[in-house]
Amino acid sequence: MILLADNDILIMLAQCDLIDEALEVFQCGLSDCFVVGAAPYSLYLSNPQKCYDKRLGNHAAFDRLAGLVHSCQKLGAADENIDLLEALSRIDGVDDGELELFLHTDSLHRHQQAYVLTTGDKKSLRALLSSNCVHAFPSLCQKVECLESLLLKVISLYGHAHTTMKVGTGYATTTREDRFDKVLRVAFGNGCDEASTRNALNYYMKDVAYFIRP
């Protein structure tokens, strides 16, 4: 299986030290994971302080993020689909990284290859849903894991206590609060029990449920 990952999900996994758990959810290794070619540069991996300031807000997670990104394969150019490219380019809310990943899912879908897109950017998914870009829908329907759906599967495999501990440690070591995902703070904070966490995660992903992998 080919696993495509965006920067947002990579950051979350590094902050919370949940890389191994995510790979177990997907039943794959790092050799199966692909990131966009610009990922090392857009994440500022050559400058740890800038990565902290702009992306992570967590010095302890830098080595995990750098190791993860450098272990993943880098995507080249997707097979050409001019109609889809033009349609995606007209959608406000789809950034360049997500556009590139959407083009790759289309290519993999047309070649009947097994793949999953993991993304922490639901804004792009919502923008896509509200558009008339139906060309992208078949390749993304039930092929996406967002932050919330991935964490629900981690809970099912490793338990609520383990996942809460990992998220809590990630939050405690992320000294810039604006760099830590708000959904994680809500879903796992204030002594939330498993039912409350699951309800929160399901609530935050309900508007993109069409895309989410069962």
Protein backbone atom coordinates (compact mmCIF):
# COMPACT_ATOMS: atom_id res chain seq x y z
CA MET A 1 0.00 0.00 0.00
CA ILE A 2 1.14 3.54 -0.75
CA LEU A 3 0.65 6.03 2.09
CA LEU A 4 0.62 9.71 1.14
CA ALA A 5 1.14 12.19 3.98
CA ASP A 6 0.89 15.96 4.25
CA ASN A 7 2.93 18.25 6.51
CA ASP A 8 0.18 18.74 9.10
CA ILE A 9 -0.14 15.04 9.91
CA LEU A 10 3.64 14.64 10.00
CA ILE A 11 3.89 17.43 12.57
CA MET A 12 1.18 15.93 14.77
CA LEU A 13 2.73 12.47 14.73
CA ALA A 14 6.13 13.90 15.65
CA GLN A 15 4.78 16.12 18.43
CA CYS A 16 2.89 13.24 20.07
CA ASP A 17 5.42 10.50 19.30
CA LEU A 18 2.71 8.49 17.55
CA ILE A 19 4.64 7.47 14.43
CA ASP A 20 4.88 3.77 15.30
CA GLU A 21 1.21 3.64 16.26
CA ALA A 22 0.17 5.25 12.98
CA LEU A 23 2.24 2.79 10.96
CA GLU A 24 0.55 -0.06 12.83
CA VAL A 25 -2.87 1.38 11.95
CA PHE A 26 -1.88 1.40 8.28
CA GLN A 27 -0.05 -1.92 8.46
CA CYS A 28 2.89 -0.48 6.56
CA GLY A 29 6.46 0.65 7.03
CA LEU A 30 8.19 3.93 6.37
CA SER A 31 9.32 2.60 2.99
CA ASP A 32 5.64 2.68 1.96
CA CYS A 33 5.20 6.34 2.97
CA PHE A 34 5.48 9.22 0.52
CA VAL A 35 5.66 12.97 1.13
CA VAL A 36 5.84 15.82 -1.35
CA GLY A 37 9.34 16.60 -2.50
CA ALA A 38 9.27 20.03 -0.89
CA ALA A 39 8.49 18.66 2.59
CA PRO A 40 12.04 18.94 4.01
CA TYR A 41 12.16 22.57 2.90
CA SER A 42 8.64 23.64 3.85
CA LEU A 43 9.18 22.09 7.30
CA TYR A 44 12.55 23.89 7.65
CA LEU A 45 14.41 20.72 8.57
CA SER A 46 17.77 22.30 7.81
CA ASN A 47 17.11 24.90 10.52
CA PRO A 48 15.84 23.42 13.81
CA GLN A 49 15.08 26.81 15.37
CA LYS A 50 13.04 27.93 12.37
CA CYS A 51 11.22 24.58 12.37
CA TYR A 52 10.38 25.18 16.03
CA ASP A 53 9.19 28.74 15.39
CA LYS A 54 7.23 28.12 12.20
CA ARG A 55 6.04 24.53 12.48
CA LEU A 56 6.60 22.40 15.57
CA GLY A 57 6.75 24.62 18.64
CA ASN A 58 8.41 21.57 20.20
CA HIS A 59 12.19 21.15 20.35
CA ALA A 60 11.90 17.54 21.59
CA ALA A 61 9.95 16.51 18.49
CA PHE A 62 12.42 17.83 15.93
CA ASP A 63 14.51 14.67 15.65
CA ARG A 64 11.36 12.58 15.29
CA LEU A 65 10.02 14.84 12.53
CA ALA A 66 13.33 14.96 10.67
CA GLY A 67 13.77 11.20 10.93
CA LEU A 68 10.23 10.60 9.71
CA VAL A 69 10.47 12.91 6.70
CA HIS A 70 13.92 11.72 5.65
CA SER A 71 12.77 8.07 5.91
CA CYS A 72 9.76 8.63 3.64
CA GLN A 73 10.01 8.46 -0.10
CA LYS A 74 9.57 11.70 -2.02
CA LEU A 75 6.87 12.10 -4.62
CA GLY A 76 7.80 13.05 -8.14
CA ALA A 77 5.42 14.53 -10.67
CA ALA A 78 1.96 12.99 -10.83
CA ASP A 79 0.65 11.62 -14.10
CA GLU A 80 -0.80 14.46 -16.10
CA ASN A 81 -4.51 15.21 -15.71
CA ILE A 82 -4.96 18.72 -17.02
CA ASP A 83 -8.71 18.86 -16.41
CA LEU A 84 -8.29 17.96 -12.74
CA LEU A 85 -5.33 20.30 -12.29
CA GLU A 86 -7.27 23.24 -13.72
CA ALA A 87 -10.33 22.43 -11.61
CA LEU A 88 -8.33 22.12 -8.39
CA SER A 89 -6.41 25.32 -9.12
CA ARG A 90 -9.68 27.27 -9.14
CA ILE A 91 -10.67 26.14 -5.60
CA ASP A 92 -9.94 28.60 -2.80
CA GLY A 93 -8.64 26.69 0.21
CA VAL A 94 -6.65 24.01 -1.61
CA ASP A 95 -2.96 24.83 -1.12
CA ASP A 96 -0.12 23.70 -3.38
CA GLY A 97 0.84 20.73 -1.19
CA GLU A 98 -2.70 19.37 -1.01
CA LEU A 99 -3.20 19.97 -4.73
CA GLU A 100 -0.13 17.86 -5.46
CA LEU A 101 -1.38 15.07 -3.18
CA PHE A 102 -4.84 15.15 -4.77
CA LEU A 103 -3.26 14.75 -8.20
CA HIS A 104 -1.32 11.73 -6.97
CA THR A 105 -4.43 10.10 -5.54
CA ASP A 106 -6.10 10.55 -8.92
CA SER A 107 -3.15 8.91 -10.66
CA LEU A 108 -3.04 5.99 -8.20
CA HIS A 109 -6.80 5.53 -8.51
CA ARG A 110 -6.66 5.40 -12.29
CA HIS A 111 -3.85 2.82 -12.11
CA GLN A 112 -5.83 0.76 -9.58
CA GLN A 113 -3.11 0.89 -6.93
CA ALA A 114 -3.79 0.65 -3.19
CA TYR A 115 -3.24 3.93 -1.35
CA VAL A 116 -4.37 6.13 1.53
CA LEU A 117 -4.06 9.89 1.86
CA THR A 118 -3.36 11.10 5.40
CA THR A 119 -3.94 14.78 6.04
CA GLY A 120 -4.33 17.18 8.90
CA ASP A 121 -5.83 19.79 6.59
CA LYS A 122 -9.61 19.44 6.62
CA LYS A 123 -9.91 22.93 5.15
CA SER A 124 -8.83 21.57 1.77
CA LEU A 125 -11.27 18.67 2.04
CA ARG A 126 -14.13 21.01 2.96
CA ALA A 127 -13.25 23.32 0.07
CA LEU A 128 -13.25 20.37 -2.27
CA LEU A 129 -16.64 19.17 -1.04
CA SER A 130 -18.20 22.59 -1.54
CA SER A 131 -16.81 22.87 -5.07
CA ASN A 132 -18.02 21.28 -8.27
CA CYS A 133 -14.71 19.46 -8.75
CA VAL A 134 -16.33 16.05 -9.11
CA HIS A 135 -13.25 14.73 -10.95
CA ALA A 136 -11.44 14.45 -7.60
CA PHE A 137 -14.21 12.70 -5.67
CA PRO A 138 -13.80 9.08 -6.89
CA SER A 139 -10.10 8.97 -5.95
CA LEU A 140 -10.71 10.38 -2.45
CA CYS A 141 -13.98 8.73 -1.39
CA GLN A 142 -13.14 6.53 1.64
CA LYS A 143 -9.43 6.90 0.88
CA VAL A 144 -8.55 9.60 3.43
CA GLU A 145 -7.42 9.51 7.04
CA CYS A 146 -7.63 12.85 8.79
CA LEU A 147 -6.17 13.57 12.22
CA GLU A 148 -9.37 12.61 14.02
CA SER A 149 -10.05 9.36 12.16
CA LEU A 150 -6.45 8.24 12.61
CA LEU A 151 -6.59 8.88 16.36
CA LEU A 152 -9.84 6.92 16.65
CA LYS A 153 -8.09 3.94 15.09
CA VAL A 154 -5.05 4.40 17.36
CA ILE A 155 -7.40 4.34 20.37
CA SER A 156 -9.00 1.13 19.11
CA LEU A 157 -5.58 -0.54 18.77
CA TYR A 158 -3.68 0.86 21.77
CA GLY A 159 -6.39 2.03 24.14
CA HIS A 160 -7.58 5.42 25.31
CA ALA A 161 -5.11 5.69 28.22
CA HIS A 162 -2.07 5.09 26.00
CA THR A 163 -3.24 7.54 23.34
CA THR A 164 -4.16 10.19 25.93
CA MET A 165 -0.72 9.84 27.53
CA LYS A 166 1.00 10.31 24.18
CA VAL A 167 -1.13 13.34 23.25
CA GLY A 168 -0.72 14.82 26.74
CA THR A 169 3.06 14.47 26.59
CA GLY A 170 3.05 16.07 23.16
CA TYR A 171 1.02 19.00 24.47
CA ALA A 172 3.19 19.39 27.58
CA THR A 173 6.39 19.52 25.54
CA THR A 174 5.02 21.86 22.88
CA THR A 175 5.89 25.15 24.48
CA ARG A 176 4.19 27.24 21.81
CA GLU A 177 0.49 26.52 22.29
CA ASP A 178 -0.49 28.00 18.93
CA ARG A 179 1.51 25.22 17.24
CA PHE A 180 -0.45 22.40 18.88
CA ASP A 181 -3.71 21.27 17.31
CA LYS A 182 -6.78 22.67 19.06
CA VAL A 183 -8.79 19.51 18.38
CA LEU A 184 -6.28 17.47 20.37
CA ARG A 185 -6.52 19.84 23.32
CA VAL A 186 -10.31 19.58 23.32
CA ALA A 187 -10.63 15.84 22.67
CA PHE A 188 -8.01 14.68 25.16
CA GLY A 189 -7.93 17.46 27.75
CA ASN A 190 -9.57 17.97 31.13
CA GLY A 191 -9.66 14.29 32.02
CA CYS A 192 -11.86 13.28 29.08
CA ASP A 193 -13.00 9.67 29.22
CA GLU A 194 -12.96 7.50 26.11
CA ALA A 195 -16.58 8.20 25.17
CA SER A 196 -16.02 11.96 25.39
CA THR A 197 -12.84 11.73 23.32
CA ARG A 198 -14.51 9.64 20.64
CA ASN A 199 -17.50 11.97 20.51
CA ALA A 200 -15.23 15.00 20.11
CA LEU A 201 -13.13 13.40 17.37
CA ASN A 202 -16.21 12.28 15.46
CA TYR A 203 -17.75 15.74 15.78
CA TYR A 204 -14.70 17.50 14.34
CA MET A 205 -14.53 15.24 11.29
CA LYS A 206 -18.23 14.86 10.52
CA ASP A 207 -18.21 17.46 7.73
CA VAL A 208 -15.62 15.48 5.74
CA ALA A 209 -16.99 12.01 6.54
CA TYR A 210 -17.58 11.36 2.83
CA PHE A 211 -13.82 11.05 2.32
CA ILE A 212 -12.88 9.09 5.45
CA ARG A 213 -11.61 5.53 5.26
CA PRO A 214 -13.85 3.08 7.18
